Each structure stands twice: as structure tokens, then as C-alpha cells.
Amino acid sequence: GGSAKTARNRRTQAILPIRGKILNVEKASIDKVLAN
């Protein structure tokens, strides 16, 4: 994320870092999804 923020074109490119693997939503209920 830090490297991407430095390398990007700040005018048109946004960077959204996430940590690790997000919740597997296939079997999760909505409240668990929204708690992530």
C-alpha cells in the first residue's frame, strides 16, 4: 500500500489498502459481513 501510494498518479488513482484475507462471504450472514 505504501509503495502504491508513492507510485500512483494522485490526480486519478486512489489506493485502498486492506489487511490480509477478507471474510469469506459465501456462507456468512449479513451481520457478520457488515462487522468486517
PDB file of all heavy atoms in Angstrom:
ATOM      1  N   GLY A   1       0.815  -1.203   0.000  1.00  0.00           N
ATOM      2  CA  GLY A   1       0.000   0.000   0.000  1.00  0.00           C
ATOM      3  C   GLY A   1       0.851   1.256   0.000  1.00  0.00           C
ATOM      4  O   GLY A   1       0.563   2.220  -0.719  1.00  0.00           O
ATOM      5  N   GLY A   2       1.922   1.249   0.804  1.00  0.00           N
ATOM      6  CA  GLY A   2       2.808   2.406   0.850  1.00  0.00           C
ATOM      7  C   GLY A   2       3.506   2.647  -0.468  1.00  0.00           C
ATOM      8  O   GLY A   2       3.615   3.783  -0.937  1.00  0.00           O
ATOM      9  N   SER A   3       3.969   1.572  -1.098  1.00  0.00           N
ATOM     10  CA  SER A   3       4.631   1.689  -2.399  1.00  0.00           C
ATOM     11  C   SER A   3       3.662   2.198  -3.453  1.00  0.00           C
ATOM     12  O   SER A   3       4.001   3.049  -4.283  1.00  0.00           O
ATOM     13  CB  SER A   3       5.208   0.325  -2.801  1.00  0.00           C
ATOM     14  OG  SER A   3       5.925   0.427  -4.001  1.00  0.00           O
ATOM     15  N   ALA A   4       2.405   1.685  -3.408  1.00  0.00           N
ATOM     16  CA  ALA A   4       1.402   2.097  -4.391  1.00  0.00           C
ATOM     17  C   ALA A   4       1.029   3.564  -4.217  1.00  0.00           C
ATOM     18  O   ALA A   4       0.826   4.286  -5.195  1.00  0.00           O
ATOM     19  CB  ALA A   4       0.166   1.219  -4.269  1.00  0.00           C
ATOM     20  N   LYS A   5       0.940   4.017  -2.967  1.00  0.00           N
ATOM     21  CA  LYS A   5       0.594   5.420  -2.718  1.00  0.00           C
ATOM     22  C   LYS A   5       1.666   6.345  -3.270  1.00  0.00           C
ATOM     23  O   LYS A   5       1.371   7.439  -3.762  1.00  0.00           O
ATOM     24  CB  LYS A   5       0.419   5.657  -1.213  1.00  0.00           C
ATOM     25  CG  LYS A   5      -0.855   5.041  -0.648  1.00  0.00           C
ATOM     26  CD  LYS A   5      -0.939   5.227   0.864  1.00  0.00           C
ATOM     27  CE  LYS A   5      -2.169   4.534   1.446  1.00  0.00           C
ATOM     28  NZ  LYS A   5      -2.257   4.661   2.914  1.00  0.00           N
ATOM     29  N   THR A   6       2.927   5.923  -3.185  1.00  0.00           N
ATOM     30  CA  THR A   6       4.029   6.741  -3.714  1.00  0.00           C
ATOM     31  C   THR A   6       4.052   6.721  -5.234  1.00  0.00           C
ATOM     32  O   THR A   6       4.322   7.733  -5.877  1.00  0.00           O
ATOM     33  CB  THR A   6       5.377   6.217  -3.178  1.00  0.00           C
ATOM     34  OG1 THR A   6       5.349   6.207  -1.748  1.00  0.00           O
ATOM     35  CG2 THR A   6       6.530   7.084  -3.656  1.00  0.00           C
ATOM     36  N   ALA A   7       3.757   5.549  -5.818  1.00  0.00           N
ATOM     37  CA  ALA A   7       3.898   5.381  -7.265  1.00  0.00           C
ATOM     38  C   ALA A   7       2.729   5.954  -8.058  1.00  0.00           C
ATOM     39  O   ALA A   7       2.884   6.310  -9.221  1.00  0.00           O
ATOM     40  CB  ALA A   7       4.036   3.893  -7.578  1.00  0.00           C
ATOM     41  N   ARG A   8       1.576   6.065  -7.488  1.00  0.00           N
ATOM     42  CA  ARG A   8       0.342   6.368  -8.226  1.00  0.00           C
ATOM     43  C   ARG A   8       0.314   7.770  -8.831  1.00  0.00           C
ATOM     44  O   ARG A   8       1.103   8.659  -8.470  1.00  0.00           O
ATOM     45  CB  ARG A   8      -0.844   6.252  -7.270  1.00  0.00           C
ATOM     46  CG  ARG A   8      -0.818   7.338  -6.182  1.00  0.00           C
ATOM     47  CD  ARG A   8      -1.996   7.229  -5.240  1.00  0.00           C
ATOM     48  NE  ARG A   8      -1.866   8.143  -4.119  1.00  0.00           N
ATOM     49  CZ  ARG A   8      -2.857   8.886  -3.651  1.00  0.00           C
ATOM     50  NH1 ARG A   8      -4.049   8.825  -4.205  1.00  0.00           N
ATOM     51  NH2 ARG A   8      -2.663   9.686  -2.619  1.00  0.00           N
ATOM     52  N   ASN A   9      -0.630   7.954  -9.729  1.00  0.00           N
ATOM     53  CA  ASN A   9      -0.990   9.282 -10.213  1.00  0.00           C
ATOM     54  C   ASN A   9      -2.037   9.820  -9.240  1.00  0.00           C
ATOM     55  O   ASN A   9      -3.189   9.387  -9.252  1.00  0.00           O
ATOM     56  CB  ASN A   9      -1.558   9.176 -11.629  1.00  0.00           C
ATOM     57  CG  ASN A   9      -2.036  10.510 -12.178  1.00  0.00           C
ATOM     58  OD1 ASN A   9      -2.214  11.478 -11.442  1.00  0.00           O
ATOM     59  ND2 ASN A   9      -2.265  10.564 -13.480  1.00  0.00           N
ATOM     60  N   ARG A  10      -1.675  10.758  -8.402  1.00  0.00           N
ATOM     61  CA  ARG A  10      -2.547  11.212  -7.326  1.00  0.00           C
ATOM     62  C   ARG A  10      -3.836  11.857  -7.839  1.00  0.00           C
ATOM     63  O   ARG A  10      -4.833  11.901  -7.123  1.00  0.00           O
ATOM     64  CB  ARG A  10      -1.806  12.217  -6.423  1.00  0.00           C
ATOM     65  CG  ARG A  10      -0.704  11.576  -5.600  1.00  0.00           C
ATOM     66  CD  ARG A  10       0.087  12.614  -4.815  1.00  0.00           C
ATOM     67  NE  ARG A  10       1.066  11.965  -3.961  1.00  0.00           N
ATOM     68  CZ  ARG A  10       0.846  11.579  -2.723  1.00  0.00           C
ATOM     69  NH1 ARG A  10      -0.339  11.801  -2.180  1.00  0.00           N
ATOM     70  NH2 ARG A  10       1.791  11.005  -2.017  1.00  0.00           N
ATOM     71  N   ARG A  11      -3.806  12.338  -9.063  1.00  0.00           N
ATOM     72  CA  ARG A  11      -4.990  13.031  -9.566  1.00  0.00           C
ATOM     73  C   ARG A  11      -6.136  12.060  -9.835  1.00  0.00           C
ATOM     74  O   ARG A  11      -7.295  12.353  -9.532  1.00  0.00           O
ATOM     75  CB  ARG A  11      -4.660  13.796 -10.852  1.00  0.00           C
ATOM     76  CG  ARG A  11      -5.713  14.838 -11.209  1.00  0.00           C
ATOM     77  CD  ARG A  11      -5.360  15.578 -12.469  1.00  0.00           C
ATOM     78  NE  ARG A  11      -5.621  14.776 -13.653  1.00  0.00           N
ATOM     79  CZ  ARG A  11      -6.839  14.640 -14.201  1.00  0.00           C
ATOM     80  NH1 ARG A  11      -7.879  15.241 -13.648  1.00  0.00           N
ATOM     81  NH2 ARG A  11      -7.012  13.919 -15.279  1.00  0.00           N
ATOM     82  N   THR A  12      -5.827  10.879 -10.375  1.00  0.00           N
ATOM     83  CA  THR A  12      -6.902   9.972 -10.797  1.00  0.00           C
ATOM     84  C   THR A  12      -6.878   8.604 -10.112  1.00  0.00           C
ATOM     85  O   THR A  12      -7.829   7.831 -10.281  1.00  0.00           O
ATOM     86  CB  THR A  12      -6.831   9.732 -12.315  1.00  0.00           C
ATOM     87  OG1 THR A  12      -5.558   9.156 -12.640  1.00  0.00           O
ATOM     88  CG2 THR A  12      -7.024  11.039 -13.077  1.00  0.00           C
ATOM     89  N   GLN A  13      -5.835   8.294  -9.357  1.00  0.00           N
ATOM     90  CA  GLN A  13      -5.712   6.951  -8.791  1.00  0.00           C
ATOM     91  C   GLN A  13      -5.769   6.983  -7.266  1.00  0.00           C
ATOM     92  O   GLN A  13      -4.960   7.657  -6.619  1.00  0.00           O
ATOM     93  CB  GLN A  13      -4.405   6.295  -9.252  1.00  0.00           C
ATOM     94  CG  GLN A  13      -4.386   6.014 -10.749  1.00  0.00           C
ATOM     95  CD  GLN A  13      -3.085   5.392 -11.220  1.00  0.00           C
ATOM     96  OE1 GLN A  13      -2.018   5.638 -10.665  1.00  0.00           O
ATOM     97  NE2 GLN A  13      -3.169   4.569 -12.273  1.00  0.00           N
ATOM     98  N   ALA A  14      -6.742   6.256  -6.705  1.00  0.00           N
ATOM     99  CA  ALA A  14      -6.875   6.119  -5.257  1.00  0.00           C
ATOM    100  C   ALA A  14      -6.338   4.750  -4.842  1.00  0.00           C
ATOM    101  O   ALA A  14      -6.372   3.793  -5.616  1.00  0.00           O
ATOM    102  CB  ALA A  14      -8.336   6.248  -4.843  1.00  0.00           C
ATOM    103  N   ILE A  15      -5.839   4.676  -3.620  1.00  0.00           N
ATOM    104  CA  ILE A  15      -5.293   3.424  -3.089  1.00  0.00           C
ATOM    105  C   ILE A  15      -6.055   3.054  -1.818  1.00  0.00           C
ATOM    106  O   ILE A  15      -6.177   3.867  -0.891  1.00  0.00           O
ATOM    107  CB  ILE A  15      -3.784   3.537  -2.765  1.00  0.00           C
ATOM    108  CG1 ILE A  15      -3.005   4.045  -3.990  1.00  0.00           C
ATOM    109  CG2 ILE A  15      -3.246   2.195  -2.288  1.00  0.00           C
ATOM    110  CD1 ILE A  15      -3.044   3.131  -5.175  1.00  0.00           C
ATOM    111  N   LEU A  16      -6.565   1.821  -1.781  1.00  0.00           N
ATOM    112  CA  LEU A  16      -7.294   1.334  -0.611  1.00  0.00           C
ATOM    113  C   LEU A  16      -6.596   0.080  -0.086  1.00  0.00           C
ATOM    114  O   LEU A  16      -6.814  -1.025  -0.596  1.00  0.00           O
ATOM    115  CB  LEU A  16      -8.747   1.019  -0.972  1.00  0.00           C
ATOM    116  CG  LEU A  16      -9.621   0.457   0.160  1.00  0.00           C
ATOM    117  CD1 LEU A  16      -9.696   1.439   1.325  1.00  0.00           C
ATOM    118  CD2 LEU A  16     -11.016   0.140  -0.350  1.00  0.00           C
ATOM    119  N   PRO A  17      -5.742   0.214   0.934  1.00  0.00           N
ATOM    120  CA  PRO A  17      -5.073  -0.969   1.491  1.00  0.00           C
ATOM    121  C   PRO A  17      -6.042  -1.785   2.349  1.00  0.00           C
ATOM    122  O   PRO A  17      -6.903  -1.235   3.045  1.00  0.00           O
ATOM    123  CB  PRO A  17      -3.965  -0.374   2.371  1.00  0.00           C
ATOM    124  CG  PRO A  17      -3.914   1.087   2.048  1.00  0.00           C
ATOM    125  CD  PRO A  17      -5.282   1.453   1.573  1.00  0.00           C
ATOM    126  N   ILE A  18      -5.953  -3.101   2.263  1.00  0.00           N
ATOM    127  CA  ILE A  18      -6.698  -3.982   3.161  1.00  0.00           C
ATOM    128  C   ILE A  18      -5.693  -4.899   3.848  1.00  0.00           C
ATOM    129  O   ILE A  18      -4.582  -5.112   3.357  1.00  0.00           O
ATOM    130  CB  ILE A  18      -7.750  -4.822   2.401  1.00  0.00           C
ATOM    131  CG1 ILE A  18      -7.082  -5.704   1.352  1.00  0.00           C
ATOM    132  CG2 ILE A  18      -8.799  -3.927   1.780  1.00  0.00           C
ATOM    133  CD1 ILE A  18      -8.031  -6.693   0.697  1.00  0.00           C
ATOM    134  N   ARG A  19      -6.089  -5.431   4.984  1.00  0.00           N
ATOM    135  CA  ARG A  19      -5.188  -6.295   5.735  1.00  0.00           C
ATOM    136  C   ARG A  19      -5.583  -7.754   5.569  1.00  0.00           C
ATOM    137  O   ARG A  19      -6.666  -8.166   5.996  1.00  0.00           O
ATOM    138  CB  ARG A  19      -5.225  -5.922   7.213  1.00  0.00           C
ATOM    139  CG  ARG A  19      -4.598  -4.563   7.493  1.00  0.00           C
ATOM    140  CD  ARG A  19      -4.558  -4.279   8.975  1.00  0.00           C
ATOM    141  NE  ARG A  19      -3.963  -2.991   9.250  1.00  0.00           N
ATOM    142  CZ  ARG A  19      -3.834  -2.474  10.477  1.00  0.00           C
ATOM    143  NH1 ARG A  19      -4.300  -3.156  11.519  1.00  0.00           N
ATOM    144  NH2 ARG A  19      -3.274  -1.296  10.647  1.00  0.00           N
ATOM    145  N   GLY A  20      -4.718  -8.513   4.917  1.00  0.00           N
ATOM    146  CA  GLY A  20      -4.933  -9.956   4.818  1.00  0.00           C
ATOM    147  C   GLY A  20      -6.157 -10.322   4.003  1.00  0.00           C
ATOM    148  O   GLY A  20      -6.623  -9.581   3.137  1.00  0.00           O
ATOM    149  N   LYS A  21      -6.687 -11.485   4.294  1.00  0.00           N
ATOM    150  CA  LYS A  21      -7.808 -12.034   3.539  1.00  0.00           C
ATOM    151  C   LYS A  21      -9.121 -11.618   4.187  1.00  0.00           C
ATOM    152  O   LYS A  21      -9.344 -11.856   5.365  1.00  0.00           O
ATOM    153  CB  LYS A  21      -7.692 -13.561   3.492  1.00  0.00           C
ATOM    154  CG  LYS A  21      -6.429 -14.019   2.768  1.00  0.00           C
ATOM    155  CD  LYS A  21      -6.210 -15.518   2.881  1.00  0.00           C
ATOM    156  CE  LYS A  21      -4.913 -15.893   2.175  1.00  0.00           C
ATOM    157  NZ  LYS A  21      -4.575 -17.313   2.310  1.00  0.00           N
ATOM    158  N   ILE A  22      -9.984 -11.012   3.373  1.00  0.00           N
ATOM    159  CA  ILE A  22     -11.274 -10.573   3.908  1.00  0.00           C
ATOM    160  C   ILE A  22     -12.146 -11.786   4.206  1.00  0.00           C
ATOM    161  O   ILE A  22     -11.831 -12.916   3.835  1.00  0.00           O
ATOM    162  CB  ILE A  22     -11.999  -9.612   2.951  1.00  0.00           C
ATOM    163  CG1 ILE A  22     -12.505 -10.367   1.707  1.00  0.00           C
ATOM    164  CG2 ILE A  22     -11.133  -8.450   2.564  1.00  0.00           C
ATOM    165  CD1 ILE A  22     -13.571  -9.634   0.932  1.00  0.00           C
ATOM    166  N   LEU A  23     -13.265 -11.514   4.840  1.00  0.00           N
ATOM    167  CA  LEU A  23     -14.213 -12.561   5.210  1.00  0.00           C
ATOM    168  C   LEU A  23     -14.713 -13.302   3.964  1.00  0.00           C
ATOM    169  O   LEU A  23     -14.974 -12.694   2.924  1.00  0.00           O
ATOM    170  CB  LEU A  23     -15.404 -11.919   5.927  1.00  0.00           C
ATOM    171  CG  LEU A  23     -16.555 -12.831   6.361  1.00  0.00           C
ATOM    172  CD1 LEU A  23     -16.097 -13.727   7.503  1.00  0.00           C
ATOM    173  CD2 LEU A  23     -17.750 -11.983   6.796  1.00  0.00           C
ATOM    174  N   ASN A  24     -14.811 -14.627   4.062  1.00  0.00           N
ATOM    175  CA  ASN A  24     -15.447 -15.424   3.017  1.00  0.00           C
ATOM    176  C   ASN A  24     -16.956 -15.245   3.155  1.00  0.00           C
ATOM    177  O   ASN A  24     -17.584 -15.821   4.035  1.00  0.00           O
ATOM    178  CB  ASN A  24     -15.064 -16.898   3.176  1.00  0.00           C
ATOM    179  CG  ASN A  24     -15.690 -17.784   2.124  1.00  0.00           C
ATOM    180  OD1 ASN A  24     -16.524 -17.347   1.332  1.00  0.00           O
ATOM    181  ND2 ASN A  24     -15.302 -19.045   2.101  1.00  0.00           N
ATOM    182  N   VAL A  25     -17.533 -14.432   2.269  1.00  0.00           N
ATOM    183  CA  VAL A  25     -18.941 -14.053   2.425  1.00  0.00           C
ATOM    184  C   VAL A  25     -19.898 -15.116   1.917  1.00  0.00           C
ATOM    185  O   VAL A  25     -21.108 -15.010   2.097  1.00  0.00           O
ATOM    186  CB  VAL A  25     -19.240 -12.719   1.698  1.00  0.00           C
ATOM    187  CG1 VAL A  25     -18.341 -11.623   2.208  1.00  0.00           C
ATOM    188  CG2 VAL A  25     -19.108 -12.878   0.185  1.00  0.00           C
ATOM    189  N   GLU A  26     -19.378 -16.176   1.254  1.00  0.00           N
ATOM    190  CA  GLU A  26     -20.260 -17.163   0.640  1.00  0.00           C
ATOM    191  C   GLU A  26     -21.194 -17.809   1.656  1.00  0.00           C
ATOM    192  O   GLU A  26     -22.351 -18.077   1.373  1.00  0.00           O
ATOM    193  CB  GLU A  26     -19.422 -18.228  -0.078  1.00  0.00           C
ATOM    194  CG  GLU A  26     -20.223 -19.340  -0.737  1.00  0.00           C
ATOM    195  CD  GLU A  26     -21.078 -18.855  -1.893  1.00  0.00           C
ATOM    196  OE1 GLU A  26     -20.886 -17.716  -2.354  1.00  0.00           O
ATOM    197  OE2 GLU A  26     -21.960 -19.609  -2.335  1.00  0.00           O
ATOM    198  N   LYS A  27     -20.682 -18.062   2.866  1.00  0.00           N
ATOM    199  CA  LYS A  27     -21.502 -18.737   3.875  1.00  0.00           C
ATOM    200  C   LYS A  27     -21.811 -17.850   5.082  1.00  0.00           C
ATOM    201  O   LYS A  27     -22.417 -18.295   6.039  1.00  0.00           O
ATOM    202  CB  LYS A  27     -20.782 -20.002   4.375  1.00  0.00           C
ATOM    203  CG  LYS A  27     -20.481 -21.021   3.291  1.00  0.00           C
ATOM    204  CD  LYS A  27     -21.757 -21.585   2.684  1.00  0.00           C
ATOM    205  CE  LYS A  27     -21.461 -22.628   1.629  1.00  0.00           C
ATOM    206  NZ  LYS A  27     -22.688 -23.133   0.983  1.00  0.00           N
ATOM    207  N   ALA A  28     -21.383 -16.571   5.012  1.00  0.00           N
ATOM    208  CA  ALA A  28     -21.553 -15.697   6.180  1.00  0.00           C
ATOM    209  C   ALA A  28     -22.888 -14.961   6.123  1.00  0.00           C
ATOM    210  O   ALA A  28     -23.416 -14.672   5.053  1.00  0.00           O
ATOM    211  CB  ALA A  28     -20.410 -14.682   6.244  1.00  0.00           C
ATOM    212  N   SER A  29     -23.440 -14.652   7.287  1.00  0.00           N
ATOM    213  CA  SER A  29     -24.682 -13.872   7.352  1.00  0.00           C
ATOM    214  C   SER A  29     -24.359 -12.391   7.191  1.00  0.00           C
ATOM    215  O   SER A  29     -23.213 -11.962   7.332  1.00  0.00           O
ATOM    216  CB  SER A  29     -25.380 -14.114   8.689  1.00  0.00           C
ATOM    217  OG  SER A  29     -24.531 -13.755   9.762  1.00  0.00           O
ATOM    218  N   ILE A  30     -25.403 -11.606   6.911  1.00  0.00           N
ATOM    219  CA  ILE A  30     -25.197 -10.182   6.623  1.00  0.00           C
ATOM    220  C   ILE A  30     -24.554  -9.456   7.799  1.00  0.00           C
ATOM    221  O   ILE A  30     -23.676  -8.605   7.616  1.00  0.00           O
ATOM    222  CB  ILE A  30     -26.538  -9.494   6.280  1.00  0.00           C
ATOM    223  CG1 ILE A  30     -27.199 -10.195   5.102  1.00  0.00           C
ATOM    224  CG2 ILE A  30     -26.333  -8.027   5.961  1.00  0.00           C
ATOM    225  CD1 ILE A  30     -26.509 -10.028   3.795  1.00  0.00           C
ATOM    226  N   ASP A  31     -24.971  -9.776   9.026  1.00  0.00           N
ATOM    227  CA  ASP A  31     -24.414  -9.048  10.164  1.00  0.00           C
ATOM    228  C   ASP A  31     -22.924  -9.312  10.312  1.00  0.00           C
ATOM    229  O   ASP A  31     -22.154  -8.417  10.666  1.00  0.00           O
ATOM    230  CB  ASP A  31     -25.170  -9.390  11.466  1.00  0.00           C
ATOM    231  CG  ASP A  31     -25.227 -10.881  11.720  1.00  0.00           C
ATOM    232  OD1 ASP A  31     -25.009 -11.663  10.784  1.00  0.00           O
ATOM    233  OD2 ASP A  31     -25.505 -11.271  12.870  1.00  0.00           O
ATOM    234  N   LYS A  32     -22.475 -10.539  10.006  1.00  0.00           N
ATOM    235  CA  LYS A  32     -21.040 -10.840  10.065  1.00  0.00           C
ATOM    236  C   LYS A  32     -20.287 -10.137   8.939  1.00  0.00           C
ATOM    237  O   LYS A  32     -19.162  -9.677   9.124  1.00  0.00           O
ATOM    238  CB  LYS A  32     -20.811 -12.352   9.989  1.00  0.00           C
ATOM    239  CG  LYS A  32     -21.218 -13.085  11.259  1.00  0.00           C
ATOM    240  CD  LYS A  32     -20.888 -14.563  11.167  1.00  0.00           C
ATOM    241  CE  LYS A  32     -21.284 -15.284  12.461  1.00  0.00           C
ATOM    242  NZ  LYS A  32     -20.992 -16.740  12.387  1.00  0.00           N
ATOM    243  N   VAL A  33     -20.925 -10.064   7.777  1.00  0.00           N
ATOM    244  CA  VAL A  33     -20.303  -9.353   6.667  1.00  0.00           C
ATOM    245  C   VAL A  33     -20.080  -7.891   7.036  1.00  0.00           C
ATOM    246  O   VAL A  33     -19.011  -7.317   6.831  1.00  0.00           O
ATOM    247  CB  VAL A  33     -21.178  -9.459   5.399  1.00  0.00           C
ATOM    248  CG1 VAL A  33     -20.650  -8.549   4.294  1.00  0.00           C
ATOM    249  CG2 VAL A  33     -21.225 -10.899   4.902  1.00  0.00           C
ATOM    250  N   LEU A  34     -21.121  -7.274   7.618  1.00  0.00           N
ATOM    251  CA  LEU A  34     -21.035  -5.854   7.954  1.00  0.00           C
ATOM    252  C   LEU A  34     -20.139  -5.584   9.156  1.00  0.00           C
ATOM    253  O   LEU A  34     -19.733  -4.447   9.388  1.00  0.00           O
ATOM    254  CB  LEU A  34     -22.439  -5.305   8.212  1.00  0.00           C
ATOM    255  CG  LEU A  34     -23.277  -5.110   6.950  1.00  0.00           C
ATOM    256  CD1 LEU A  34     -24.713  -4.833   7.308  1.00  0.00           C
ATOM    257  CD2 LEU A  34     -22.711  -3.996   6.101  1.00  0.00           C
ATOM    258  N   ALA A  35     -19.849  -6.612   9.929  1.00  0.00           N
ATOM    259  CA  ALA A  35     -18.952  -6.437  11.071  1.00  0.00           C
ATOM    260  C   ALA A  35     -17.499  -6.459  10.643  1.00  0.00           C
ATOM    261  O   ALA A  35     -16.608  -6.140  11.436  1.00  0.00           O
ATOM    262  CB  ALA A  35     -19.204  -7.535  12.106  1.00  0.00           C
ATOM    263  N   ASN A  36     -17.235  -6.840   9.390  1.00  0.00           N
ATOM    264  CA  ASN A  36     -15.863  -6.920   8.888  1.00  0.00           C
ATOM    265  C   ASN A  36     -15.370  -5.528   8.493  1.00  0.00           C
ATOM    266  O   ASN A  36     -15.952  -4.866   7.641  1.00  0.00           O
ATOM    267  CB  ASN A  36     -15.816  -7.872   7.689  1.00  0.00           C
ATOM    268  CG  ASN A  36     -14.410  -8.073   7.163  1.00  0.00           C
ATOM    269  OD1 ASN A  36     -13.920  -7.283   6.376  1.00  0.00           O
ATOM    270  ND2 ASN A  36     -13.769  -9.139   7.609  1.00  0.00           N
TER     271      ASN A  36
END
